[in-house]
Amino acid sequence: MLKKILSISGKSGLYRLISYGNNIIVVEGLTDKKRIPAYSNYKIISLGDIAIYTTGEEVPLANVLDAIYKKYEGKTLDAAQYKTAEQLQAFFSDILPEYDRERVYNTDIKKVISWYNILVDAGETNFIEEEPKADEAKAEEGK
């Protein structure tokens, strides 16, 4: 699900990929539902390609968002609760205890909170795509 959700540098919010062509993609804002063009010179990243640094292997953003969703029972977070560096770090330590405190900045944590709230408000809560079952995969191959 997160593969088609995009962050565009210089633009606030998150966007859903609608279509693409040569040097341009059409995206739709998750909050305002407005469609806009995004050109190839924009810095665009799929949320599915983002991972969080830890002391071991990197953890996909989808896993972090899913952990927040489960811990807070699908409710949005009150970003005002996390104003200080200590509050942000305590929140993230609770979600992902092994995150790398030197490479994950407070701005990164704020962005994760913001993205989580946007996704939940938009009803995009299936963060981790489930692998198709073996029987379903065989049925798809036979078609």
N, C-alpha and C. Protein backbone atom coordinates (compact mmCIF):
# COMPACT_ATOMS: atom_id res chain seq x y z
N MET A 1 0.83 -1.18 0.00
CA MET A 1 0.00 0.00 0.00
C MET A 1 0.87 1.25 0.00
N LEU A 2 1.94 1.25 0.75
CA LEU A 2 2.77 2.45 0.85
C LEU A 2 3.58 2.74 -0.41
N LYS A 3 3.69 1.78 -1.33
CA LYS A 3 4.43 2.01 -2.57
C LYS A 3 3.81 3.12 -3.40
N LYS A 4 2.49 3.28 -3.34
CA LYS A 4 1.82 4.29 -4.15
C LYS A 4 1.55 5.58 -3.38
N ILE A 5 2.03 5.66 -2.14
CA ILE A 5 1.91 6.89 -1.36
C ILE A 5 3.26 7.60 -1.44
N LEU A 6 3.23 8.87 -1.84
CA LEU A 6 4.46 9.59 -2.12
C LEU A 6 4.62 10.83 -1.25
N SER A 7 5.87 11.15 -0.99
CA SER A 7 6.24 12.41 -0.36
C SER A 7 6.99 13.20 -1.43
N ILE A 8 6.61 14.47 -1.59
CA ILE A 8 7.24 15.32 -2.59
C ILE A 8 7.94 16.45 -1.86
N SER A 9 9.25 16.54 -2.04
CA SER A 9 10.04 17.57 -1.39
C SER A 9 9.53 18.95 -1.80
N GLY A 10 9.37 19.80 -0.80
CA GLY A 10 8.90 21.16 -1.06
C GLY A 10 7.39 21.30 -1.02
N LYS A 11 6.68 20.19 -0.92
CA LYS A 11 5.22 20.21 -0.83
C LYS A 11 4.81 19.51 0.45
N SER A 12 3.88 20.12 1.17
CA SER A 12 3.45 19.51 2.42
C SER A 12 2.45 18.40 2.14
N GLY A 13 2.35 17.48 3.07
CA GLY A 13 1.39 16.40 2.94
C GLY A 13 1.92 15.20 2.19
N LEU A 14 1.02 14.27 1.94
CA LEU A 14 1.33 13.05 1.20
C LEU A 14 0.42 12.95 -0.01
N TYR A 15 0.87 12.21 -1.01
CA TYR A 15 0.15 12.11 -2.27
C TYR A 15 0.04 10.66 -2.71
N ARG A 16 -1.06 10.37 -3.41
CA ARG A 16 -1.27 9.04 -3.98
C ARG A 16 -0.93 9.13 -5.47
N LEU A 17 -0.18 8.16 -5.95
CA LEU A 17 0.15 8.08 -7.37
C LEU A 17 -1.10 7.72 -8.15
N ILE A 18 -1.44 8.54 -9.13
CA ILE A 18 -2.62 8.29 -9.96
C ILE A 18 -2.20 7.70 -11.30
N SER A 19 -1.29 8.39 -12.00
CA SER A 19 -0.78 7.88 -13.27
C SER A 19 0.57 8.51 -13.56
N TYR A 20 1.24 7.98 -14.56
CA TYR A 20 2.55 8.52 -14.90
C TYR A 20 2.78 8.43 -16.40
N GLY A 21 3.65 9.33 -16.85
CA GLY A 21 4.02 9.37 -18.26
C GLY A 21 5.47 9.78 -18.36
N ASN A 22 5.87 10.31 -19.51
CA ASN A 22 7.25 10.75 -19.69
C ASN A 22 7.50 12.03 -18.89
N ASN A 23 8.43 11.97 -17.97
CA ASN A 23 8.86 13.12 -17.17
C ASN A 23 7.78 13.74 -16.30
N ILE A 24 6.68 13.06 -16.07
CA ILE A 24 5.62 13.62 -15.24
C ILE A 24 4.80 12.49 -14.61
N ILE A 25 4.33 12.75 -13.40
CA ILE A 25 3.35 11.86 -12.79
C ILE A 25 2.19 12.72 -12.30
N VAL A 26 1.04 12.13 -12.22
CA VAL A 26 -0.12 12.82 -11.67
C VAL A 26 -0.37 12.22 -10.30
N VAL A 27 -0.47 13.11 -9.31
CA VAL A 27 -0.68 12.67 -7.93
C VAL A 27 -1.92 13.36 -7.37
N GLU A 28 -2.47 12.73 -6.34
CA GLU A 28 -3.65 13.28 -5.68
C GLU A 28 -3.33 13.43 -4.19
N GLY A 29 -3.58 14.59 -3.65
CA GLY A 29 -3.34 14.84 -2.23
C GLY A 29 -4.23 13.96 -1.37
N LEU A 30 -3.67 13.35 -0.33
CA LEU A 30 -4.48 12.49 0.53
C LEU A 30 -5.47 13.29 1.35
N THR A 31 -5.13 14.54 1.68
CA THR A 31 -6.01 15.33 2.52
C THR A 31 -7.02 16.15 1.72
N ASP A 32 -6.58 16.79 0.64
CA ASP A 32 -7.48 17.67 -0.11
C ASP A 32 -8.04 17.06 -1.38
N LYS A 33 -7.54 15.89 -1.78
CA LYS A 33 -8.00 15.16 -2.97
C LYS A 33 -7.78 15.92 -4.28
N LYS A 34 -6.94 16.95 -4.26
CA LYS A 34 -6.64 17.69 -5.48
C LYS A 34 -5.57 16.96 -6.27
N ARG A 35 -5.76 16.92 -7.57
CA ARG A 35 -4.77 16.27 -8.44
C ARG A 35 -3.84 17.34 -9.01
N ILE A 36 -2.55 17.03 -8.95
CA ILE A 36 -1.55 17.95 -9.47
C ILE A 36 -0.49 17.16 -10.23
N PRO A 37 0.21 17.82 -11.15
CA PRO A 37 1.32 17.16 -11.82
C PRO A 37 2.58 17.26 -10.96
N ALA A 38 3.39 16.25 -11.01
CA ALA A 38 4.71 16.26 -10.35
C ALA A 38 5.72 15.91 -11.43
N TYR A 39 6.67 16.77 -11.61
CA TYR A 39 7.63 16.62 -12.71
C TYR A 39 8.87 15.87 -12.28
N SER A 40 9.63 15.40 -13.26
CA SER A 40 10.79 14.56 -12.99
C SER A 40 11.89 15.28 -12.22
N ASN A 41 11.89 16.62 -12.21
CA ASN A 41 12.91 17.33 -11.45
C ASN A 41 12.55 17.50 -9.98
N TYR A 42 11.36 17.07 -9.56
CA TYR A 42 10.96 17.08 -8.16
C TYR A 42 11.62 15.91 -7.45
N LYS A 43 11.90 16.10 -6.18
CA LYS A 43 12.41 14.98 -5.38
C LYS A 43 11.19 14.25 -4.81
N ILE A 44 10.92 13.07 -5.36
CA ILE A 44 9.74 12.29 -4.98
C ILE A 44 10.21 10.96 -4.43
N ILE A 45 9.64 10.58 -3.29
CA ILE A 45 10.00 9.28 -2.70
C ILE A 45 8.74 8.56 -2.26
N SER A 46 8.73 7.28 -2.51
CA SER A 46 7.63 6.42 -2.09
C SER A 46 7.83 6.05 -0.62
N LEU A 47 6.77 6.09 0.16
CA LEU A 47 6.89 5.70 1.57
C LEU A 47 7.30 4.25 1.71
N GLY A 48 7.00 3.44 0.70
CA GLY A 48 7.39 2.03 0.72
C GLY A 48 8.89 1.84 0.61
N ASP A 49 9.61 2.87 0.17
CA ASP A 49 11.07 2.78 0.02
C ASP A 49 11.83 3.33 1.22
N ILE A 50 11.13 3.83 2.20
CA ILE A 50 11.78 4.45 3.37
C ILE A 50 11.95 3.41 4.46
N ALA A 51 13.11 3.47 5.11
CA ALA A 51 13.40 2.61 6.25
C ALA A 51 14.00 3.46 7.37
N ILE A 52 13.87 2.98 8.59
CA ILE A 52 14.38 3.68 9.76
C ILE A 52 15.66 3.00 10.21
N TYR A 53 16.67 3.81 10.48
CA TYR A 53 17.94 3.27 10.99
C TYR A 53 17.77 2.70 12.38
N THR A 54 18.35 1.54 12.61
CA THR A 54 18.38 0.94 13.95
C THR A 54 19.82 0.53 14.25
N THR A 55 20.02 0.01 15.42
CA THR A 55 21.36 -0.47 15.78
C THR A 55 21.69 -1.76 15.04
N GLY A 56 20.70 -2.40 14.48
CA GLY A 56 20.91 -3.60 13.66
C GLY A 56 20.57 -3.28 12.22
N GLU A 57 19.65 -4.06 11.65
CA GLU A 57 19.21 -3.81 10.28
C GLU A 57 18.16 -2.71 10.25
N GLU A 58 18.05 -2.05 9.11
CA GLU A 58 17.04 -1.01 8.95
C GLU A 58 15.65 -1.63 9.01
N VAL A 59 14.69 -0.88 9.56
CA VAL A 59 13.32 -1.35 9.68
C VAL A 59 12.46 -0.55 8.70
N PRO A 60 11.69 -1.22 7.84
CA PRO A 60 10.83 -0.50 6.90
C PRO A 60 9.85 0.42 7.62
N LEU A 61 9.59 1.58 7.02
CA LEU A 61 8.65 2.53 7.59
C LEU A 61 7.29 1.89 7.82
N ALA A 62 6.87 0.99 6.95
CA ALA A 62 5.58 0.32 7.09
C ALA A 62 5.48 -0.39 8.43
N ASN A 63 6.55 -1.03 8.86
CA ASN A 63 6.55 -1.74 10.15
C ASN A 63 6.42 -0.76 11.31
N VAL A 64 7.07 0.38 11.20
CA VAL A 64 7.00 1.40 12.26
C VAL A 64 5.58 1.96 12.33
N LEU A 65 5.01 2.31 11.18
CA LEU A 65 3.64 2.83 11.16
C LEU A 65 2.64 1.81 11.69
N ASP A 66 2.84 0.54 11.36
CA ASP A 66 1.97 -0.52 11.85
C ASP A 66 2.09 -0.65 13.38
N ALA A 67 3.30 -0.52 13.89
CA ALA A 67 3.50 -0.60 15.35
C ALA A 67 2.79 0.56 16.05
N ILE A 68 2.87 1.75 15.47
CA ILE A 68 2.17 2.91 16.05
C ILE A 68 0.67 2.67 16.01
N TYR A 69 0.18 2.18 14.88
CA TYR A 69 -1.25 1.93 14.70
C TYR A 69 -1.77 0.95 15.75
N LYS A 70 -1.02 -0.11 15.98
CA LYS A 70 -1.44 -1.12 16.96
C LYS A 70 -1.36 -0.58 18.38
N LYS A 71 -0.30 0.15 18.69
CA LYS A 71 -0.13 0.66 20.05
C LYS A 71 -1.20 1.69 20.40
N TYR A 72 -1.56 2.53 19.46
CA TYR A 72 -2.53 3.59 19.71
C TYR A 72 -3.92 3.25 19.19
N GLU A 73 -4.15 1.97 18.91
CA GLU A 73 -5.46 1.43 18.55
C GLU A 73 -6.09 2.17 17.37
N GLY A 74 -5.27 2.55 16.40
CA GLY A 74 -5.79 3.17 15.19
C GLY A 74 -6.18 4.62 15.32
N LYS A 75 -5.88 5.24 16.45
CA LYS A 75 -6.22 6.64 16.66
C LYS A 75 -5.07 7.53 16.20
N THR A 76 -5.42 8.75 15.79
CA THR A 76 -4.38 9.70 15.41
C THR A 76 -3.65 10.15 16.67
N LEU A 77 -2.43 10.63 16.46
CA LEU A 77 -1.60 11.10 17.57
C LEU A 77 -1.77 12.60 17.73
N ASP A 78 -1.70 13.06 18.95
CA ASP A 78 -1.72 14.50 19.22
C ASP A 78 -0.28 15.00 19.13
N ALA A 79 0.07 15.59 18.00
CA ALA A 79 1.45 16.03 17.76
C ALA A 79 1.90 17.06 18.78
N ALA A 80 0.95 17.78 19.39
CA ALA A 80 1.30 18.79 20.40
C ALA A 80 1.91 18.16 21.65
N GLN A 81 1.67 16.88 21.86
CA GLN A 81 2.24 16.18 23.02
C GLN A 81 3.74 15.97 22.87
N TYR A 82 4.24 16.07 21.66
CA TYR A 82 5.64 15.74 21.39
C TYR A 82 6.39 16.98 20.92
N LYS A 83 6.57 17.94 21.84
CA LYS A 83 7.22 19.20 21.49
C LYS A 83 8.72 19.17 21.74
N THR A 84 9.12 18.56 22.83
CA THR A 84 10.54 18.59 23.19
C THR A 84 11.27 17.38 22.60
N ALA A 85 12.58 17.50 22.54
CA ALA A 85 13.40 16.40 22.03
C ALA A 85 13.22 15.16 22.89
N GLU A 86 13.12 15.34 24.18
CA GLU A 86 12.96 14.21 25.10
C GLU A 86 11.64 13.49 24.86
N GLN A 87 10.57 14.25 24.63
CA GLN A 87 9.26 13.65 24.39
C GLN A 87 9.26 12.87 23.07
N LEU A 88 9.87 13.44 22.04
CA LEU A 88 9.95 12.76 20.75
C LEU A 88 10.74 11.46 20.85
N GLN A 89 11.88 11.54 21.52
CA GLN A 89 12.74 10.36 21.65
C GLN A 89 12.08 9.29 22.52
N ALA A 90 11.38 9.70 23.56
CA ALA A 90 10.69 8.74 24.42
C ALA A 90 9.58 8.04 23.62
N PHE A 91 8.84 8.80 22.82
CA PHE A 91 7.79 8.22 21.98
C PHE A 91 8.37 7.19 21.03
N PHE A 92 9.46 7.56 20.33
CA PHE A 92 10.02 6.67 19.33
C PHE A 92 10.69 5.46 19.97
N SER A 93 11.28 5.64 21.15
CA SER A 93 11.89 4.52 21.87
C SER A 93 10.83 3.50 22.26
N ASP A 94 9.64 3.99 22.55
CA ASP A 94 8.54 3.10 22.92
C ASP A 94 8.07 2.29 21.71
N ILE A 95 8.10 2.90 20.53
CA ILE A 95 7.66 2.24 19.30
C ILE A 95 8.74 1.34 18.73
N LEU A 96 9.97 1.86 18.67
CA LEU A 96 11.09 1.15 18.05
C LEU A 96 12.31 1.31 18.97
N PRO A 97 12.41 0.48 20.01
CA PRO A 97 13.46 0.65 21.02
C PRO A 97 14.88 0.64 20.46
N GLU A 98 15.09 -0.08 19.37
CA GLU A 98 16.45 -0.21 18.84
C GLU A 98 16.79 0.83 17.78
N TYR A 99 15.99 1.92 17.66
CA TYR A 99 16.31 2.91 16.63
C TYR A 99 17.65 3.59 16.94
N ASP A 100 18.35 3.99 15.90
CA ASP A 100 19.68 4.60 16.04
C ASP A 100 19.51 6.07 16.40
N ARG A 101 19.81 6.40 17.64
CA ARG A 101 19.60 7.76 18.16
C ARG A 101 20.53 8.79 17.52
N GLU A 102 21.60 8.34 16.89
CA GLU A 102 22.52 9.27 16.24
C GLU A 102 22.11 9.59 14.81
N ARG A 103 21.45 8.66 14.13
CA ARG A 103 21.11 8.87 12.72
C ARG A 103 19.63 9.18 12.49
N VAL A 104 18.78 8.97 13.48
CA VAL A 104 17.37 9.34 13.37
C VAL A 104 17.18 10.63 14.16
N TYR A 105 16.91 11.70 13.43
CA TYR A 105 16.79 13.02 14.04
C TYR A 105 15.38 13.28 14.52
N ASN A 106 15.25 14.28 15.39
CA ASN A 106 13.93 14.65 15.91
C ASN A 106 12.99 15.07 14.77
N THR A 107 13.53 15.71 13.74
CA THR A 107 12.70 16.09 12.59
C THR A 107 12.16 14.86 11.87
N ASP A 108 12.95 13.78 11.85
CA ASP A 108 12.48 12.53 11.24
C ASP A 108 11.31 11.95 12.04
N ILE A 109 11.41 12.01 13.36
CA ILE A 109 10.35 11.49 14.22
C ILE A 109 9.08 12.31 14.03
N LYS A 110 9.23 13.64 13.95
CA LYS A 110 8.07 14.51 13.72
C LYS A 110 7.41 14.17 12.38
N LYS A 111 8.22 13.89 11.37
CA LYS A 111 7.69 13.55 10.05
C LYS A 111 6.93 12.23 10.10
N VAL A 112 7.44 11.25 10.83
CA VAL A 112 6.74 9.97 10.97
C VAL A 112 5.39 10.19 11.65
N ILE A 113 5.35 11.00 12.70
CA ILE A 113 4.09 11.30 13.39
C ILE A 113 3.12 11.98 12.43
N SER A 114 3.60 12.96 11.69
CA SER A 114 2.76 13.68 10.74
C SER A 114 2.22 12.74 9.66
N TRP A 115 3.10 11.94 9.07
CA TRP A 115 2.68 11.00 8.04
C TRP A 115 1.66 10.00 8.58
N TYR A 116 1.91 9.50 9.78
CA TYR A 116 0.98 8.55 10.40
C TYR A 116 -0.41 9.18 10.51
N ASN A 117 -0.48 10.41 11.01
CA ASN A 117 -1.77 11.09 11.17
C ASN A 117 -2.46 11.30 9.82
N ILE A 118 -1.71 11.70 8.80
CA ILE A 118 -2.30 11.90 7.47
C ILE A 118 -2.86 10.59 6.94
N LEU A 119 -2.09 9.51 7.08
CA LEU A 119 -2.53 8.21 6.57
C LEU A 119 -3.78 7.71 7.30
N VAL A 120 -3.81 7.84 8.62
CA VAL A 120 -4.96 7.38 9.39
C VAL A 120 -6.20 8.21 9.04
N ASP A 121 -6.03 9.55 8.94
CA ASP A 121 -7.16 10.41 8.57
C ASP A 121 -7.70 10.08 7.18
N ALA A 122 -6.82 9.65 6.28
CA ALA A 122 -7.23 9.31 4.92
C ALA A 122 -7.75 7.87 4.81
N GLY A 123 -7.71 7.12 5.91
CA GLY A 123 -8.20 5.75 5.89
C GLY A 123 -7.20 4.76 5.31
N GLU A 124 -5.98 5.17 5.16
CA GLU A 124 -4.92 4.30 4.62
C GLU A 124 -4.20 3.62 5.79
N THR A 125 -4.76 2.55 6.30
CA THR A 125 -4.20 1.94 7.50
C THR A 125 -3.66 0.54 7.27
N ASN A 126 -3.68 0.06 6.05
CA ASN A 126 -3.12 -1.26 5.75
C ASN A 126 -1.65 -1.05 5.38
N PHE A 127 -0.82 -0.83 6.39
CA PHE A 127 0.57 -0.45 6.17
C PHE A 127 1.41 -1.58 5.61
N ILE A 128 1.18 -2.78 6.08
CA ILE A 128 1.98 -3.92 5.65
C ILE A 128 1.14 -4.77 4.72
N GLU A 129 1.60 -4.88 3.48
CA GLU A 129 0.88 -5.70 2.52
C GLU A 129 1.15 -7.16 2.82
N GLU A 130 0.08 -7.92 2.87
CA GLU A 130 0.23 -9.34 3.17
C GLU A 130 0.60 -10.08 1.90
N GLU A 131 1.45 -11.07 2.06
CA GLU A 131 1.86 -11.91 0.93
C GLU A 131 0.67 -12.78 0.53
N PRO A 132 0.43 -12.95 -0.77
CA PRO A 132 -0.67 -13.83 -1.16
C PRO A 132 -0.37 -15.26 -0.71
N LYS A 133 -1.42 -15.95 -0.32
CA LYS A 133 -1.26 -17.34 0.11
C LYS A 133 -0.86 -18.20 -1.08
N ALA A 134 -0.24 -19.32 -0.81
CA ALA A 134 0.27 -20.20 -1.87
C ALA A 134 -0.84 -20.60 -2.85
N ASP A 135 -2.02 -20.92 -2.33
CA ASP A 135 -3.14 -21.33 -3.19
C ASP A 135 -3.57 -20.17 -4.10
N GLU A 136 -3.63 -18.96 -3.56
CA GLU A 136 -4.02 -17.80 -4.34
C GLU A 136 -2.98 -17.49 -5.41
N ALA A 137 -1.71 -17.62 -5.05
CA ALA A 137 -0.63 -17.33 -6.01
C ALA A 137 -0.69 -18.31 -7.18
N LYS A 138 -0.96 -19.58 -6.91
CA LYS A 138 -1.06 -20.57 -7.98
C LYS A 138 -2.27 -20.29 -8.86
N ALA A 139 -3.38 -19.86 -8.26
CA ALA A 139 -4.57 -19.56 -9.01
C ALA A 139 -4.33 -18.37 -9.94
N GLU A 140 -3.57 -17.36 -9.47
CA GLU A 140 -3.25 -16.21 -10.30
C GLU A 140 -2.34 -16.59 -11.46
N GLU A 141 -1.40 -17.51 -11.22
CA GLU A 141 -0.48 -17.94 -12.27
C GLU A 141 -1.23 -18.70 -13.37
N GLY A 142 -2.27 -19.43 -13.00
CA GLY A 142 -3.03 -20.23 -13.94
C GLY A 142 -3.91 -19.39 -14.85
N LYS A 143 -4.16 -18.14 -14.52
CA LYS A 143 -5.04 -17.28 -15.32
C LYS A 143 -4.34 -16.74 -16.53
